[in-house]
Amino acid sequence: MTEAEGNAKLLYWAGVALGPIAWGLNLQGIYVLAHFSCETTRVSGTIVSVVLAIVALAGTAISARAVRRSAGAEWVDAQGGGPRSFMAWLGVGMGALFALVIANQLAASLLISPCLR
């Protein structure tokens, strides 16, 4: 495997992995910052959620780029390019889904007071 092939495979995995990783970090970050948000008014949870939603959307963009990049691979590749195309479309869907989940968590953290226990 050449270096270019390795980088191309990372594009597919980056798109699939960035969304769930961003969601996990957001979930843990919101729980960690909730205790401190009650004492003083801070927007750190909002900033974390917005940044991680952008990270999840970046995974979607990376996967969309991989879809466009390998569009002709079905005709050139002897194996049909099916697994790569599947991974790319899966990354597009997962990135968008996890960005939406992060946005929902952001909305909940803005609407519900962190001091309620």
PDB file of N, CA and C in Angstrom:
ATOM      1  N   MET A   1       0.848  -1.167   0.000  1.00  0.00           N
ATOM      2  CA  MET A   1       0.000   0.000   0.000  1.00  0.00           C
ATOM      3  C   MET A   1       0.899   1.236   0.000  1.00  0.00           C
ATOM      4  N   THR A   2       0.611   2.124  -0.901  1.00  0.00           N
ATOM      5  CA  THR A   2       1.386   3.351  -0.990  1.00  0.00           C
ATOM      6  C   THR A   2       0.877   4.370   0.019  1.00  0.00           C
ATOM      7  N   GLU A   3       1.610   5.455   0.160  1.00  0.00           N
ATOM      8  CA  GLU A   3       1.214   6.498   1.114  1.00  0.00           C
ATOM      9  C   GLU A   3      -0.080   7.177   0.677  1.00  0.00           C
ATOM     10  N   ALA A   4      -0.263   7.349  -0.631  1.00  0.00           N
ATOM     11  CA  ALA A   4      -1.486   7.976  -1.135  1.00  0.00           C
ATOM     12  C   ALA A   4      -2.702   7.099  -0.843  1.00  0.00           C
ATOM     13  N   GLU A   5      -2.556   5.768  -0.982  1.00  0.00           N
ATOM     14  CA  GLU A   5      -3.671   4.869  -0.677  1.00  0.00           C
ATOM     15  C   GLU A   5      -4.000   4.896   0.811  1.00  0.00           C
ATOM     16  N   GLY A   6      -2.969   4.977   1.649  1.00  0.00           N
ATOM     17  CA  GLY A   6      -3.199   5.062   3.092  1.00  0.00           C
ATOM     18  C   GLY A   6      -3.923   6.331   3.478  1.00  0.00           C
ATOM     19  N   ASN A   7      -3.549   7.448   2.862  1.00  0.00           N
ATOM     20  CA  ASN A   7      -4.232   8.715   3.136  1.00  0.00           C
ATOM     21  C   ASN A   7      -5.670   8.683   2.645  1.00  0.00           C
ATOM     22  N   ALA A   8      -5.906   8.024   1.506  1.00  0.00           N
ATOM     23  CA  ALA A   8      -7.264   7.926   0.977  1.00  0.00           C
ATOM     24  C   ALA A   8      -8.141   7.095   1.912  1.00  0.00           C
ATOM     25  N   LYS A   9      -7.583   6.032   2.495  1.00  0.00           N
ATOM     26  CA  LYS A   9      -8.364   5.216   3.430  1.00  0.00           C
ATOM     27  C   LYS A   9      -8.653   5.980   4.716  1.00  0.00           C
ATOM     28  N   LEU A  10      -7.741   6.849   5.113  1.00  0.00           N
ATOM     29  CA  LEU A  10      -7.996   7.667   6.305  1.00  0.00           C
ATOM     30  C   LEU A  10      -9.158   8.623   6.089  1.00  0.00           C
ATOM     31  N   LEU A  11      -9.359   9.070   4.842  1.00  0.00           N
ATOM     32  CA  LEU A  11     -10.504   9.940   4.564  1.00  0.00           C
ATOM     33  C   LEU A  11     -11.819   9.246   4.887  1.00  0.00           C
ATOM     34  N   TYR A  12     -11.907   7.962   4.533  1.00  0.00           N
ATOM     35  CA  TYR A  12     -13.144   7.224   4.797  1.00  0.00           C
ATOM     36  C   TYR A  12     -13.347   7.025   6.292  1.00  0.00           C
ATOM     37  N   TRP A  13     -12.291   6.665   7.007  1.00  0.00           N
ATOM     38  CA  TRP A  13     -12.415   6.430   8.440  1.00  0.00           C
ATOM     39  C   TRP A  13     -12.613   7.730   9.213  1.00  0.00           C
ATOM     40  N   ALA A  14     -12.014   8.803   8.771  1.00  0.00           N
ATOM     41  CA  ALA A  14     -12.180  10.082   9.464  1.00  0.00           C
ATOM     42  C   ALA A  14     -13.636  10.518   9.422  1.00  0.00           C
ATOM     43  N   GLY A  15     -14.273  10.349   8.297  1.00  0.00           N
ATOM     44  CA  GLY A  15     -15.674  10.732   8.186  1.00  0.00           C
ATOM     45  C   GLY A  15     -16.578   9.898   9.070  1.00  0.00           C
ATOM     46  N   VAL A  16     -16.258   8.614   9.194  1.00  0.00           N
ATOM     47  CA  VAL A  16     -17.079   7.729  10.021  1.00  0.00           C
ATOM     48  C   VAL A  16     -16.817   7.977  11.510  1.00  0.00           C
ATOM     49  N   ALA A  17     -15.591   8.296  11.879  1.00  0.00           N
ATOM     50  CA  ALA A  17     -15.224   8.372  13.291  1.00  0.00           C
ATOM     51  C   ALA A  17     -15.426   9.750  13.921  1.00  0.00           C
ATOM     52  N   LEU A  18     -15.345  10.819  13.166  1.00  0.00           N
ATOM     53  CA  LEU A  18     -15.399  12.157  13.767  1.00  0.00           C
ATOM     54  C   LEU A  18     -16.737  12.464  14.445  1.00  0.00           C
ATOM     55  N   GLY A  19     -17.822  12.042  13.858  1.00  0.00           N
ATOM     56  CA  GLY A  19     -19.137  12.316  14.445  1.00  0.00           C
ATOM     57  C   GLY A  19     -19.324  11.686  15.819  1.00  0.00           C
ATOM     58  N   PRO A  20     -19.129  10.361  15.946  1.00  0.00           N
ATOM     59  CA  PRO A  20     -19.286   9.739  17.273  1.00  0.00           C
ATOM     60  C   PRO A  20     -18.281  10.239  18.304  1.00  0.00           C
ATOM     61  N   ILE A  21     -17.052  10.503  17.880  1.00  0.00           N
ATOM     62  CA  ILE A  21     -16.048  11.021  18.822  1.00  0.00           C
ATOM     63  C   ILE A  21     -16.462  12.408  19.317  1.00  0.00           C
ATOM     64  N   ALA A  22     -16.930  13.256  18.407  1.00  0.00           N
ATOM     65  CA  ALA A  22     -17.371  14.599  18.801  1.00  0.00           C
ATOM     66  C   ALA A  22     -18.566  14.522  19.747  1.00  0.00           C
ATOM     67  N   TRP A  23     -19.495  13.601  19.487  1.00  0.00           N
ATOM     68  CA  TRP A  23     -20.654  13.458  20.360  1.00  0.00           C
ATOM     69  C   TRP A  23     -20.235  12.987  21.746  1.00  0.00           C
ATOM     70  N   GLY A  24     -19.341  12.006  21.815  1.00  0.00           N
ATOM     71  CA  GLY A  24     -18.884  11.516  23.113  1.00  0.00           C
ATOM     72  C   GLY A  24     -18.182  12.594  23.919  1.00  0.00           C
ATOM     73  N   LEU A  25     -17.334  13.362  23.251  1.00  0.00           N
ATOM     74  CA  LEU A  25     -16.658  14.461  23.938  1.00  0.00           C
ATOM     75  C   LEU A  25     -17.651  15.532  24.389  1.00  0.00           C
ATOM     76  N   ASN A  26     -18.652  15.804  23.558  1.00  0.00           N
ATOM     77  CA  ASN A  26     -19.668  16.794  23.922  1.00  0.00           C
ATOM     78  C   ASN A  26     -20.471  16.327  25.128  1.00  0.00           C
ATOM     79  N   LEU A  27     -20.881  15.077  25.126  1.00  0.00           N
ATOM     80  CA  LEU A  27     -21.676  14.556  26.231  1.00  0.00           C
ATOM     81  C   LEU A  27     -20.902  14.646  27.543  1.00  0.00           C
ATOM     82  N   GLN A  28     -19.661  14.216  27.534  1.00  0.00           N
ATOM     83  CA  GLN A  28     -18.854  14.276  28.749  1.00  0.00           C
ATOM     84  C   GLN A  28     -18.543  15.722  29.142  1.00  0.00           C
ATOM     85  N   GLY A  29     -18.277  16.562  28.145  1.00  0.00           N
ATOM     86  CA  GLY A  29     -17.982  17.961  28.431  1.00  0.00           C
ATOM     87  C   GLY A  29     -19.154  18.694  29.050  1.00  0.00           C
ATOM     88  N   ILE A  30     -20.356  18.426  28.563  1.00  0.00           N
ATOM     89  CA  ILE A  30     -21.549  19.067  29.114  1.00  0.00           C
ATOM     90  C   ILE A  30     -21.747  18.655  30.569  1.00  0.00           C
ATOM     91  N   TYR A  31     -21.539  17.365  30.869  1.00  0.00           N
ATOM     92  CA  TYR A  31     -21.690  16.905  32.250  1.00  0.00           C
ATOM     93  C   TYR A  31     -20.629  17.506  33.169  1.00  0.00           C
ATOM     94  N   VAL A  32     -19.415  17.634  32.676  1.00  0.00           N
ATOM     95  CA  VAL A  32     -18.349  18.217  33.489  1.00  0.00           C
ATOM     96  C   VAL A  32     -18.614  19.701  33.747  1.00  0.00           C
ATOM     97  N   LEU A  33     -19.041  20.417  32.724  1.00  0.00           N
ATOM     98  CA  LEU A  33     -19.232  21.862  32.849  1.00  0.00           C
ATOM     99  C   LEU A  33     -20.544  22.241  33.528  1.00  0.00           C
ATOM    100  N   ALA A  34     -21.483  21.298  33.664  1.00  0.00           N
ATOM    101  CA  ALA A  34     -22.778  21.620  34.273  1.00  0.00           C
ATOM    102  C   ALA A  34     -22.623  22.029  35.730  1.00  0.00           C
ATOM    103  N   HIS A  35     -21.723  21.391  36.448  1.00  0.00           N
ATOM    104  CA  HIS A  35     -21.517  21.727  37.857  1.00  0.00           C
ATOM    105  C   HIS A  35     -21.002  23.153  38.009  1.00  0.00           C
ATOM    106  N   PHE A  36     -20.090  23.544  37.145  1.00  0.00           N
ATOM    107  CA  PHE A  36     -19.528  24.890  37.221  1.00  0.00           C
ATOM    108  C   PHE A  36     -20.482  25.944  36.664  1.00  0.00           C
ATOM    109  N   SER A  37     -21.381  25.555  35.783  1.00  0.00           N
ATOM    110  CA  SER A  37     -22.319  26.503  35.196  1.00  0.00           C
ATOM    111  C   SER A  37     -23.351  26.967  36.205  1.00  0.00           C
ATOM    112  N   CYS A  38     -23.610  26.155  37.196  1.00  0.00           N
ATOM    113  CA  CYS A  38     -24.602  26.525  38.203  1.00  0.00           C
ATOM    114  C   CYS A  38     -24.095  27.647  39.094  1.00  0.00           C
ATOM    115  N   GLU A  39     -22.818  27.617  39.397  1.00  0.00           N
ATOM    116  CA  GLU A  39     -22.257  28.614  40.306  1.00  0.00           C
ATOM    117  C   GLU A  39     -22.156  29.991  39.646  1.00  0.00           C
ATOM    118  N   THR A  40     -21.704  30.036  38.446  1.00  0.00           N
ATOM    119  CA  THR A  40     -21.586  31.287  37.713  1.00  0.00           C
ATOM    120  C   THR A  40     -22.154  31.087  36.319  1.00  0.00           C
ATOM    121  N   THR A  41     -22.521  32.160  35.695  1.00  0.00           N
ATOM    122  CA  THR A  41     -23.039  32.069  34.336  1.00  0.00           C
ATOM    123  C   THR A  41     -21.863  31.964  33.373  1.00  0.00           C
ATOM    124  N   ARG A  42     -21.792  30.846  32.698  1.00  0.00           N
ATOM    125  CA  ARG A  42     -20.715  30.626  31.737  1.00  0.00           C
ATOM    126  C   ARG A  42     -21.312  30.127  30.427  1.00  0.00           C
ATOM    127  N   VAL A  43     -20.642  30.462  29.376  1.00  0.00           N
ATOM    128  CA  VAL A  43     -21.074  30.000  28.064  1.00  0.00           C
ATOM    129  C   VAL A  43     -20.111  28.929  27.531  1.00  0.00           C
ATOM    130  N   SER A  44     -19.293  28.377  28.424  1.00  0.00           N
ATOM    131  CA  SER A  44     -18.301  27.405  27.969  1.00  0.00           C
ATOM    132  C   SER A  44     -18.954  26.149  27.403  1.00  0.00           C
ATOM    133  N   GLY A  45     -20.071  25.712  27.979  1.00  0.00           N
ATOM    134  CA  GLY A  45     -20.771  24.545  27.445  1.00  0.00           C
ATOM    135  C   GLY A  45     -21.313  24.793  26.049  1.00  0.00           C
ATOM    136  N   THR A  46     -21.786  26.007  25.829  1.00  0.00           N
ATOM    137  CA  THR A  46     -22.286  26.372  24.507  1.00  0.00           C
ATOM    138  C   THR A  46     -21.158  26.392  23.492  1.00  0.00           C
ATOM    139  N   ILE A  47     -20.033  26.943  23.891  1.00  0.00           N
ATOM    140  CA  ILE A  47     -18.883  27.007  22.982  1.00  0.00           C
ATOM    141  C   ILE A  47     -18.386  25.609  22.641  1.00  0.00           C
ATOM    142  N   VAL A  48     -18.306  24.739  23.654  1.00  0.00           N
ATOM    143  CA  VAL A  48     -17.864  23.361  23.426  1.00  0.00           C
ATOM    144  C   VAL A  48     -18.813  22.659  22.467  1.00  0.00           C
ATOM    145  N   SER A  49     -20.110  22.820  22.667  1.00  0.00           N
ATOM    146  CA  SER A  49     -21.091  22.159  21.800  1.00  0.00           C
ATOM    147  C   SER A  49     -21.017  22.664  20.363  1.00  0.00           C
ATOM    148  N   VAL A  50     -20.859  23.958  20.197  1.00  0.00           N
ATOM    149  CA  VAL A  50     -20.780  24.519  18.843  1.00  0.00           C
ATOM    150  C   VAL A  50     -19.521  24.033  18.129  1.00  0.00           C
ATOM    151  N   VAL A  51     -18.401  24.042  18.844  1.00  0.00           N
ATOM    152  CA  VAL A  51     -17.140  23.586  18.231  1.00  0.00           C
ATOM    153  C   VAL A  51     -17.233  22.110  17.848  1.00  0.00           C
ATOM    154  N   LEU A  52     -17.797  21.286  18.729  1.00  0.00           N
ATOM    155  CA  LEU A  52     -17.874  19.859  18.427  1.00  0.00           C
ATOM    156  C   LEU A  52     -18.926  19.553  17.359  1.00  0.00           C
ATOM    157  N   ALA A  53     -19.960  20.367  17.245  1.00  0.00           N
ATOM    158  CA  ALA A  53     -20.896  20.207  16.124  1.00  0.00           C
ATOM    159  C   ALA A  53     -20.197  20.521  14.805  1.00  0.00           C
ATOM    160  N   ILE A  54     -19.327  21.508  14.820  1.00  0.00           N
ATOM    161  CA  ILE A  54     -18.548  21.834  13.616  1.00  0.00           C
ATOM    162  C   ILE A  54     -17.599  20.696  13.284  1.00  0.00           C
ATOM    163  N   VAL A  55     -17.021  20.054  14.303  1.00  0.00           N
ATOM    164  CA  VAL A  55     -16.142  18.895  14.067  1.00  0.00           C
ATOM    165  C   VAL A  55     -16.934  17.759  13.423  1.00  0.00           C
ATOM    166  N   ALA A  56     -18.144  17.503  13.916  1.00  0.00           N
ATOM    167  CA  ALA A  56     -18.978  16.455  13.320  1.00  0.00           C
ATOM    168  C   ALA A  56     -19.342  16.800  11.878  1.00  0.00           C
ATOM    169  N   LEU A  57     -19.635  18.061  11.617  1.00  0.00           N
ATOM    170  CA  LEU A  57     -19.933  18.475  10.241  1.00  0.00           C
ATOM    171  C   LEU A  57     -18.691  18.413   9.356  1.00  0.00           C
ATOM    172  N   ALA A  58     -17.511  18.599   9.945  1.00  0.00           N
ATOM    173  CA  ALA A  58     -16.276  18.438   9.175  1.00  0.00           C
ATOM    174  C   ALA A  58     -16.123  16.988   8.748  1.00  0.00           C
ATOM    175  N   GLY A  59     -16.510  16.048   9.615  1.00  0.00           N
ATOM    176  CA  GLY A  59     -16.510  14.638   9.225  1.00  0.00           C
ATOM    177  C   GLY A  59     -17.453  14.373   8.060  1.00  0.00           C
ATOM    178  N   THR A  60     -18.592  15.056   8.066  1.00  0.00           N
ATOM    179  CA  THR A  60     -19.529  14.932   6.945  1.00  0.00           C
ATOM    180  C   THR A  60     -18.905  15.464   5.659  1.00  0.00           C
ATOM    181  N   ALA A  61     -18.227  16.599   5.761  1.00  0.00           N
ATOM    182  CA  ALA A  61     -17.589  17.188   4.577  1.00  0.00           C
ATOM    183  C   ALA A  61     -16.458  16.303   4.054  1.00  0.00           C
ATOM    184  N   ILE A  62     -15.696  15.708   4.964  1.00  0.00           N
ATOM    185  CA  ILE A  62     -14.621  14.804   4.540  1.00  0.00           C
ATOM    186  C   ILE A  62     -15.202  13.604   3.814  1.00  0.00           C
ATOM    187  N   SER A  63     -16.281  13.043   4.346  1.00  0.00           N
ATOM    188  CA  SER A  63     -16.903  11.891   3.686  1.00  0.00           C
ATOM    189  C   SER A  63     -17.531  12.279   2.350  1.00  0.00           C
ATOM    190  N   ALA A  64     -18.134  13.466   2.287  1.00  0.00           N
ATOM    191  CA  ALA A  64     -18.709  13.910   1.017  1.00  0.00           C
ATOM    192  C   ALA A  64     -17.617  14.090  -0.034  1.00  0.00           C
ATOM    193  N   ARG A  65     -16.468  14.566   0.406  1.00  0.00           N
ATOM    194  CA  ARG A  65     -15.335  14.690  -0.514  1.00  0.00           C
ATOM    195  C   ARG A  65     -14.875  13.311  -0.984  1.00  0.00           C
ATOM    196  N   ALA A  66     -14.876  12.346  -0.077  1.00  0.00           N
ATOM    197  CA  ALA A  66     -14.487  10.988  -0.451  1.00  0.00           C
ATOM    198  C   ALA A  66     -15.497  10.371  -1.421  1.00  0.00           C
ATOM    199  N   VAL A  67     -16.777  10.718  -1.270  1.00  0.00           N
ATOM    200  CA  VAL A  67     -17.793  10.217  -2.213  1.00  0.00           C
ATOM    201  C   VAL A  67     -17.511  10.755  -3.608  1.00  0.00           C
ATOM    202  N   ARG A  68     -17.262  12.056  -3.699  1.00  0.00           N
ATOM    203  CA  ARG A  68     -16.987  12.657  -5.010  1.00  0.00           C
ATOM    204  C   ARG A  68     -15.679  12.133  -5.594  1.00  0.00           C
ATOM    205  N   ARG A  69     -14.711  11.914  -4.724  1.00  0.00           N
ATOM    206  CA  ARG A  69     -13.394  11.466  -5.185  1.00  0.00           C
ATOM    207  C   ARG A  69     -13.437  10.060  -5.766  1.00  0.00           C
ATOM    208  N   SER A  70     -14.239   9.195  -5.166  1.00  0.00           N
ATOM    209  CA  SER A  70     -14.268   7.803  -5.617  1.00  0.00           C
ATOM    210  C   SER A  70     -15.466   7.500  -6.498  1.00  0.00           C
ATOM    211  N   ALA A  71     -16.077   8.508  -7.075  1.00  0.00           N
ATOM    212  CA  ALA A  71     -17.254   8.279  -7.911  1.00  0.00           C
ATOM    213  C   ALA A  71     -16.928   7.434  -9.130  1.00  0.00           C
ATOM    214  N   GLY A  72     -15.745   7.603  -9.704  1.00  0.00           N
ATOM    215  CA  GLY A  72     -15.371   6.810 -10.868  1.00  0.00           C
ATOM    216  C   GLY A  72     -14.698   5.503 -10.529  1.00  0.00           C
ATOM    217  N   ALA A  73     -14.483   5.223  -9.254  1.00  0.00           N
ATOM    218  CA  ALA A  73     -13.766   4.008  -8.859  1.00  0.00           C
ATOM    219  C   ALA A  73     -14.562   2.747  -9.171  1.00  0.00           C
ATOM    220  N   GLU A  74     -15.882   2.857  -9.246  1.00  0.00           N
ATOM    221  CA  GLU A  74     -16.676   1.672  -9.560  1.00  0.00           C
ATOM    222  C   GLU A  74     -16.352   1.125 -10.938  1.00  0.00           C
ATOM    223  N   TRP A  75     -15.910   2.003 -11.848  1.00  0.00           N
ATOM    224  CA  TRP A  75     -15.627   1.576 -13.208  1.00  0.00           C
ATOM    225  C   TRP A  75     -14.175   1.146 -13.374  1.00  0.00           C
ATOM    226  N   VAL A  76     -13.283   1.676 -12.550  1.00  0.00           N
ATOM    227  CA  VAL A  76     -11.861   1.387 -12.687  1.00  0.00           C
ATOM    228  C   VAL A  76     -11.448   0.208 -11.821  1.00  0.00           C
ATOM    229  N   ASP A  77     -11.960   0.119 -10.612  1.00  0.00           N
ATOM    230  CA  ASP A  77     -11.552  -0.893  -9.653  1.00  0.00           C
ATOM    231  C   ASP A  77     -12.149  -2.243 -10.020  1.00  0.00           C
ATOM    232  N   ALA A  78     -11.339  -3.285  -9.911  1.00  0.00           N
ATOM    233  CA  ALA A  78     -11.810  -4.630 -10.238  1.00  0.00           C
ATOM    234  C   ALA A  78     -12.845  -5.108  -9.219  1.00  0.00           C
ATOM    235  N   GLN A  79     -12.765  -4.613  -7.985  1.00  0.00           N
ATOM    236  CA  GLN A  79     -13.715  -5.023  -6.953  1.00  0.00           C
ATOM    237  C   GLN A  79     -14.970  -4.166  -6.951  1.00  0.00           C
ATOM    238  N   GLY A  80     -15.021  -3.172  -7.765  1.00  0.00           N
ATOM    239  CA  GLY A  80     -16.220  -2.364  -7.893  1.00  0.00           C
ATOM    240  C   GLY A  80     -16.256  -1.123  -7.024  1.00  0.00           C
ATOM    241  N   GLY A  81     -15.347  -0.975  -6.085  1.00  0.00           N
ATOM    242  CA  GLY A  81     -15.330   0.217  -5.246  1.00  0.00           C
ATOM    243  C   GLY A  81     -16.500   0.300  -4.288  1.00  0.00           C
ATOM    244  N   GLY A  82     -17.261  -0.787  -4.137  1.00  0.00           N
ATOM    245  CA  GLY A  82     -18.441  -0.779  -3.280  1.00  0.00           C
ATOM    246  C   GLY A  82     -18.171  -0.484  -1.819  1.00  0.00           C
ATOM    247  N   PRO A  83     -17.192  -1.163  -1.199  1.00  0.00           N
ATOM    248  CA  PRO A  83     -16.942  -0.885   0.224  1.00  0.00           C
ATOM    249  C   PRO A  83     -16.521   0.559   0.492  1.00  0.00           C
ATOM    250  N   ARG A  84     -15.719   1.132  -0.382  1.00  0.00           N
ATOM    251  CA  ARG A  84     -15.292   2.517  -0.179  1.00  0.00           C
ATOM    252  C   ARG A  84     -16.472   3.466  -0.320  1.00  0.00           C
ATOM    253  N   SER A  85     -17.299   3.233  -1.288  1.00  0.00           N
ATOM    254  CA  SER A  85     -18.474   4.082  -1.474  1.00  0.00           C
ATOM    255  C   SER A  85     -19.418   3.952  -0.280  1.00  0.00           C
ATOM    256  N   PHE A  86     -19.586   2.738   0.215  1.00  0.00           N
ATOM    257  CA  PHE A  86     -20.438   2.517   1.382  1.00  0.00           C
ATOM    258  C   PHE A  86     -19.902   3.260   2.598  1.00  0.00           C
ATOM    259  N   MET A  87     -18.593   3.161   2.840  1.00  0.00           N
ATOM    260  CA  MET A  87     -17.984   3.842   3.983  1.00  0.00           C
ATOM    261  C   MET A  87     -18.148   5.356   3.852  1.00  0.00           C
ATOM    262  N   ALA A  88     -17.989   5.869   2.648  1.00  0.00           N
ATOM    263  CA  ALA A  88     -18.114   7.312   2.447  1.00  0.00           C
ATOM    264  C   ALA A  88     -19.550   7.775   2.722  1.00  0.00           C
ATOM    265  N   TRP A  89     -20.533   7.061   2.195  1.00  0.00           N
ATOM    266  CA  TRP A  89     -21.925   7.458   2.432  1.00  0.00           C
ATOM    267  C   TRP A  89     -22.309   7.263   3.891  1.00  0.00           C
ATOM    268  N   LEU A  90     -21.770   6.225   4.527  1.00  0.00           N
ATOM    269  CA  LEU A  90     -22.016   6.015   5.950  1.00  0.00           C
ATOM    270  C   LEU A  90     -21.444   7.175   6.762  1.00  0.00           C
ATOM    271  N   GLY A  91     -20.269   7.652   6.392  1.00  0.00           N
ATOM    272  CA  GLY A  91     -19.666   8.805   7.070  1.00  0.00           C
ATOM    273  C   GLY A  91     -20.476  10.069   6.898  1.00  0.00           C
ATOM    274  N   VAL A  92     -21.042  10.263   5.712  1.00  0.00           N
ATOM    275  CA  VAL A  92     -21.888  11.439   5.480  1.00  0.00           C
ATOM    276  C   VAL A  92     -23.111  11.386   6.398  1.00  0.00           C
ATOM    277  N   GLY A  93     -23.746  10.242   6.457  1.00  0.00           N
ATOM    278  CA  GLY A  93     -24.936  10.096   7.299  1.00  0.00           C
ATOM    279  C   GLY A  93     -24.630  10.215   8.783  1.00  0.00           C
ATOM    280  N   MET A  94     -23.550   9.557   9.208  1.00  0.00           N
ATOM    281  CA  MET A  94     -23.198   9.591  10.629  1.00  0.00           C
ATOM    282  C   MET A  94     -22.784  10.985  11.076  1.00  0.00           C
ATOM    283  N   GLY A  95     -22.027  11.684  10.248  1.00  0.00           N
ATOM    284  CA  GLY A  95     -21.621  13.038  10.609  1.00  0.00           C
ATOM    285  C   GLY A  95     -22.809  13.961  10.766  1.00  0.00           C
ATOM    286  N   ALA A  96     -23.746  13.874   9.831  1.00  0.00           N
ATOM    287  CA  ALA A  96     -24.943  14.722   9.918  1.00  0.00           C
ATOM    288  C   ALA A  96     -25.801  14.339  11.117  1.00  0.00           C
ATOM    289  N   LEU A  97     -25.951  13.043  11.360  1.00  0.00           N
ATOM    290  CA  LEU A  97     -26.759  12.589  12.485  1.00  0.00           C
ATOM    291  C   LEU A  97     -26.169  13.030  13.820  1.00  0.00           C
ATOM    292  N   PHE A  98     -24.870  12.851  13.999  1.00  0.00           N
ATOM    293  CA  PHE A  98     -24.261  13.229  15.266  1.00  0.00           C
ATOM    294  C   PHE A  98     -24.188  14.743  15.436  1.00  0.00           C
ATOM    295  N   ALA A  99     -24.072  15.502  14.362  1.00  0.00           N
ATOM    296  CA  ALA A  99     -24.150  16.965  14.473  1.00  0.00           C
ATOM    297  C   ALA A  99     -25.540  17.377  14.948  1.00  0.00           C
ATOM    298  N   LEU A 100     -26.565  16.693  14.463  1.00  0.00           N
ATOM    299  CA  LEU A 100     -27.926  16.973  14.912  1.00  0.00           C
ATOM    300  C   LEU A 100     -28.112  16.601  16.385  1.00  0.00           C
ATOM    301  N   VAL A 101     -27.533  15.496  16.808  1.00  0.00           N
ATOM    302  CA  VAL A 101     -27.617  15.090  18.219  1.00  0.00           C
ATOM    303  C   VAL A 101     -26.929  16.122  19.110  1.00  0.00           C
ATOM    304  N   ILE A 102     -25.767  16.601  18.691  1.00  0.00           N
ATOM    305  CA  ILE A 102     -25.056  17.621  19.465  1.00  0.00           C
ATOM    306  C   ILE A 102     -25.880  18.903  19.521  1.00  0.00           C
ATOM    307  N   ALA A 103     -26.524  19.269  18.423  1.00  0.00           N
ATOM    308  CA  ALA A 103     -27.379  20.465  18.416  1.00  0.00           C
ATOM    309  C   ALA A 103     -28.565  20.286  19.366  1.00  0.00           C
ATOM    310  N   ASN A 104     -29.124  19.081  19.430  1.00  0.00           N
ATOM    311  CA  ASN A 104     -30.220  18.824  20.363  1.00  0.00           C
ATOM    312  C   ASN A 104     -29.755  18.929  21.813  1.00  0.00           C
ATOM    313  N   GLN A 105     -28.568  18.415  22.100  1.00  0.00           N
ATOM    314  CA  GLN A 105     -28.031  18.536  23.455  1.00  0.00           C
ATOM    315  C   GLN A 105     -27.742  19.996  23.799  1.00  0.00           C
ATOM    316  N   LEU A 106     -27.293  20.750  22.821  1.00  0.00           N
ATOM    317  CA  LEU A 106     -27.059  22.178  23.040  1.00  0.00           C
ATOM    318  C   LEU A 106     -28.371  22.885  23.367  1.00  0.00           C
ATOM    319  N   ALA A 107     -29.420  22.572  22.624  1.00  0.00           N
ATOM    320  CA  ALA A 107     -30.719  23.192  22.881  1.00  0.00           C
ATOM    321  C   ALA A 107     -31.219  22.838  24.286  1.00  0.00           C
ATOM    322  N   ALA A 108     -31.037  21.599  24.671  1.00  0.00           N
ATOM    323  CA  ALA A 108     -31.480  21.195  26.021  1.00  0.00           C
ATOM    324  C   ALA A 108     -30.682  21.900  27.100  1.00  0.00           C
ATOM    325  N   SER A 109     -29.378  22.043  26.882  1.00  0.00           N
ATOM    326  CA  SER A 109     -28.564  22.704  27.899  1.00  0.00           C
ATOM    327  C   SER A 109     -28.857  24.204  27.969  1.00  0.00           C
ATOM    328  N   LEU A 110     -29.342  24.798  26.891  1.00  0.00           N
ATOM    329  CA  LEU A 110     -29.711  26.208  26.922  1.00  0.00           C
ATOM    330  C   LEU A 110     -31.086  26.440  27.569  1.00  0.00           C
ATOM    331  N   LEU A 111     -31.990  25.464  27.411  1.00  0.00           N
ATOM    332  CA  LEU A 111     -33.346  25.633  27.911  1.00  0.00           C
ATOM    333  C   LEU A 111     -33.521  25.206  29.369  1.00  0.00           C
ATOM    334  N   ILE A 112     -32.738  24.225  29.808  1.00  0.00           N
ATOM    335  CA  ILE A 112     -32.895  23.687  31.155  1.00  0.00           C
ATOM    336  C   ILE A 112     -31.774  24.229  32.033  1.00  0.00           C
ATOM    337  N   SER A 113     -32.143  24.723  33.193  1.00  0.00           N
ATOM    338  CA  SER A 113     -31.155  25.282  34.111  1.00  0.00           C
ATOM    339  C   SER A 113     -30.265  24.166  34.668  1.00  0.00           C
ATOM    340  N   PRO A 114     -28.957  24.371  34.683  1.00  0.00           N
ATOM    341  CA  PRO A 114     -28.070  23.331  35.223  1.00  0.00           C
ATOM    342  C   PRO A 114     -28.157  23.221  36.739  1.00  0.00           C
ATOM    343  N   CYS A 115     -28.816  24.167  37.400  1.00  0.00           N
ATOM    344  CA  CYS A 115     -28.918  24.132  38.859  1.00  0.00           C
ATOM    345  C   CYS A 115     -30.025  23.194  39.339  1.00  0.00           C
ATOM    346  N   LEU A 116     -30.875  22.726  38.460  1.00  0.00           N
ATOM    347  CA  LEU A 116     -31.938  21.785  38.846  1.00  0.00           C
ATOM    348  C   LEU A 116     -31.310  20.422  39.098  1.00  0.00           C
ATOM    349  N   ARG A 117     -31.538  19.896  40.265  1.00  0.00           N
ATOM    350  CA  ARG A 117     -30.984  18.561  40.579  1.00  0.00           C
ATOM    351  C   ARG A 117     -32.045  17.716  41.213  1.00  0.00           C
TER     352      ARG A 117
END
